[in-house]
Protein backbone atom coordinates (compact mmCIF):
# COMPACT_ATOMS: atom_id res chain seq x y z
CA MET A 1 -49.91 48.52 13.23
CA VAL A 2 -48.68 52.04 13.87
CA LEU A 3 -45.44 51.33 11.98
CA LYS A 4 -47.34 50.05 8.98
CA LYS A 5 -49.22 53.34 8.73
CA ILE A 6 -46.10 55.48 9.20
CA PHE A 7 -43.52 53.58 7.17
CA GLY A 8 -45.73 51.67 4.78
CA ARG A 9 -44.48 48.30 5.97
CA TYR A 10 -44.64 46.27 9.12
CA GLU A 11 -41.52 44.81 10.74
CA GLU A 12 -42.35 41.27 11.90
CA SER A 13 -40.05 41.46 14.93
CA TYR A 14 -41.90 44.51 16.29
CA ASP A 15 -44.14 43.90 19.24
CA GLU A 16 -46.51 46.73 20.20
CA SER A 17 -45.58 46.19 23.83
CA ASP A 18 -41.93 47.15 23.08
CA GLU A 19 -40.89 50.47 24.58
CA TYR A 20 -38.75 51.56 21.63
CA VAL A 21 -38.25 50.88 17.94
CA ASP A 22 -34.78 50.16 16.54
CA PHE A 23 -34.73 52.12 13.26
CA ASN A 24 -31.57 50.32 12.16
CA LYS A 25 -33.72 47.24 11.63
CA ILE A 26 -36.22 49.17 9.52
CA ILE A 27 -34.07 51.64 7.55
CA GLU A 28 -31.74 50.11 5.01
CA GLN A 29 -28.18 51.36 4.66
CA PRO A 30 -27.58 53.38 1.46
CA LYS A 31 -25.84 51.46 -1.30
CA THR A 32 -22.63 53.10 -2.53
CA GLU A 33 -21.75 50.64 -5.28
CA GLY A 34 -21.34 52.48 -8.58
CA LYS A 35 -21.69 55.90 -6.94
CA ILE A 36 -19.11 58.56 -6.14
CA VAL A 37 -18.61 58.95 -2.41
CA ILE A 38 -18.12 62.43 -0.93
CA LYS A 39 -16.33 62.56 2.42
CA ILE A 40 -16.40 65.53 4.78
CA GLU A 41 -13.20 65.89 6.80
CA LYS A 42 -11.44 68.44 8.98
CA LEU A 43 -7.91 69.48 8.19
CA SER A 44 -6.93 70.42 11.72
CA GLY A 45 -3.25 69.45 11.44
CA TYR A 46 -0.55 68.26 9.08
CA LYS A 47 -1.25 64.65 10.10
CA ASP A 48 -4.80 64.89 8.69
CA ALA A 49 -3.36 65.34 5.19
CA GLU A 50 -2.49 61.64 5.08
CA LYS A 51 -6.11 60.63 5.73
CA ILE A 52 -7.33 62.95 2.96
CA GLN A 53 -4.73 61.59 0.54
CA LYS A 54 -5.88 58.03 1.26
CA GLU A 55 -9.54 58.91 0.64
CA VAL A 56 -8.75 60.58 -2.70
CA ARG A 57 -6.60 57.64 -3.82
CA GLU A 58 -9.63 55.42 -3.15
CA GLY A 59 -11.66 57.57 -5.59
CA LYS A 60 -13.62 59.64 -3.07
CA ILE A 61 -14.23 63.37 -3.26
CA VAL A 62 -13.15 65.10 -0.05
CA LEU A 63 -14.47 68.37 1.34
CA ALA A 64 -12.04 69.43 4.05
CA GLU A 65 -12.73 72.24 6.47
CA THR A 66 -9.51 74.24 6.99
CA GLU A 67 -10.67 77.19 9.09
CA GLN A 68 -9.37 75.79 12.39
CA LEU A 69 -5.85 75.16 11.06
CA LYS A 70 -5.86 78.49 9.22
CA ASN A 71 -6.50 80.32 12.50
CA LYS A 72 -3.94 78.19 14.37
CA ASP A 73 -0.96 77.96 11.98
CA VAL A 74 -1.03 79.16 8.36
CA GLY A 75 2.40 77.64 7.65
CA GLU A 76 1.23 74.18 8.68
CA LEU A 77 -1.89 74.63 6.55
CA LYS A 78 0.25 75.45 3.51
CA ARG A 79 2.45 72.39 4.12
CA ALA A 80 -0.59 70.13 4.46
CA ILE A 81 -2.16 71.48 1.26
CA GLU A 82 1.14 71.04 -0.62
CA ARG A 83 1.32 67.42 0.56
CA ILE A 84 -2.25 66.76 -0.61
CA LYS A 85 -1.58 68.61 -3.87
CA LYS A 86 1.35 66.28 -4.71
CA THR A 87 -0.97 63.28 -4.46
CA VAL A 88 -3.67 65.00 -6.52
CA VAL A 89 -1.19 65.82 -9.29
CA ALA A 90 0.12 62.24 -9.26
CA ILE A 91 -3.38 60.76 -9.72
CA ASP A 92 -4.43 63.50 -12.20
CA GLY A 93 -7.11 64.81 -9.85
CA ASP A 94 -8.27 68.32 -8.97
CA ILE A 95 -7.86 70.51 -5.90
CA VAL A 96 -9.52 73.87 -5.19
CA MET A 97 -9.92 76.11 -2.15
CA GLY A 98 -13.63 76.79 -2.12
CA PRO A 99 -15.71 79.30 -0.21
CA LYS A 100 -15.61 79.46 3.59
CA SER A 101 -12.12 77.86 3.67
CA VAL A 102 -13.31 74.49 2.38
CA LEU A 103 -10.68 72.55 0.46
CA ILE A 104 -12.24 70.51 -2.36
CA VAL A 105 -10.12 67.51 -3.37
CA CYS A 106 -11.22 65.30 -6.28
CA PRO A 107 -9.86 62.12 -7.85
CA ASN A 108 -9.40 61.85 -11.63
CA THR A 109 -13.08 60.89 -12.04
CA ALA A 110 -14.31 64.39 -11.10
CA VAL A 111 -13.39 68.00 -11.76
CA VAL A 112 -14.39 71.25 -10.05
CA SER A 113 -15.84 73.87 -12.39
CA ARG A 114 -14.16 77.24 -12.02
CA VAL A 115 -16.66 79.18 -14.15
CA LYS A 116 -18.41 81.90 -12.17
CA GLU A 117 -21.84 82.99 -13.36
């Protein structure tokens, strides 16, 4: 009965004598069909560029944190960004270094506005 008051519905498999509640049974997974997916990744090495390229080819927007690689090896960061950039150009996407060293990589279905207000 407590669950019905909190969540507005009562899960039949719940027994009040249970010690815990499995929220995975109650909360539905979000549906991504027909929506643009945004992935958050870390670009911590040149090898991570391949994973980002794959995500963008699949039509996902990628926000990649680059601060760690920037502090470690700027040359490797430049090589990784150039590798990603070649894929972005090939698929007619968009790539921008955003604030706080976040690389924004978009497929051809999205574009990053560069207008500052």
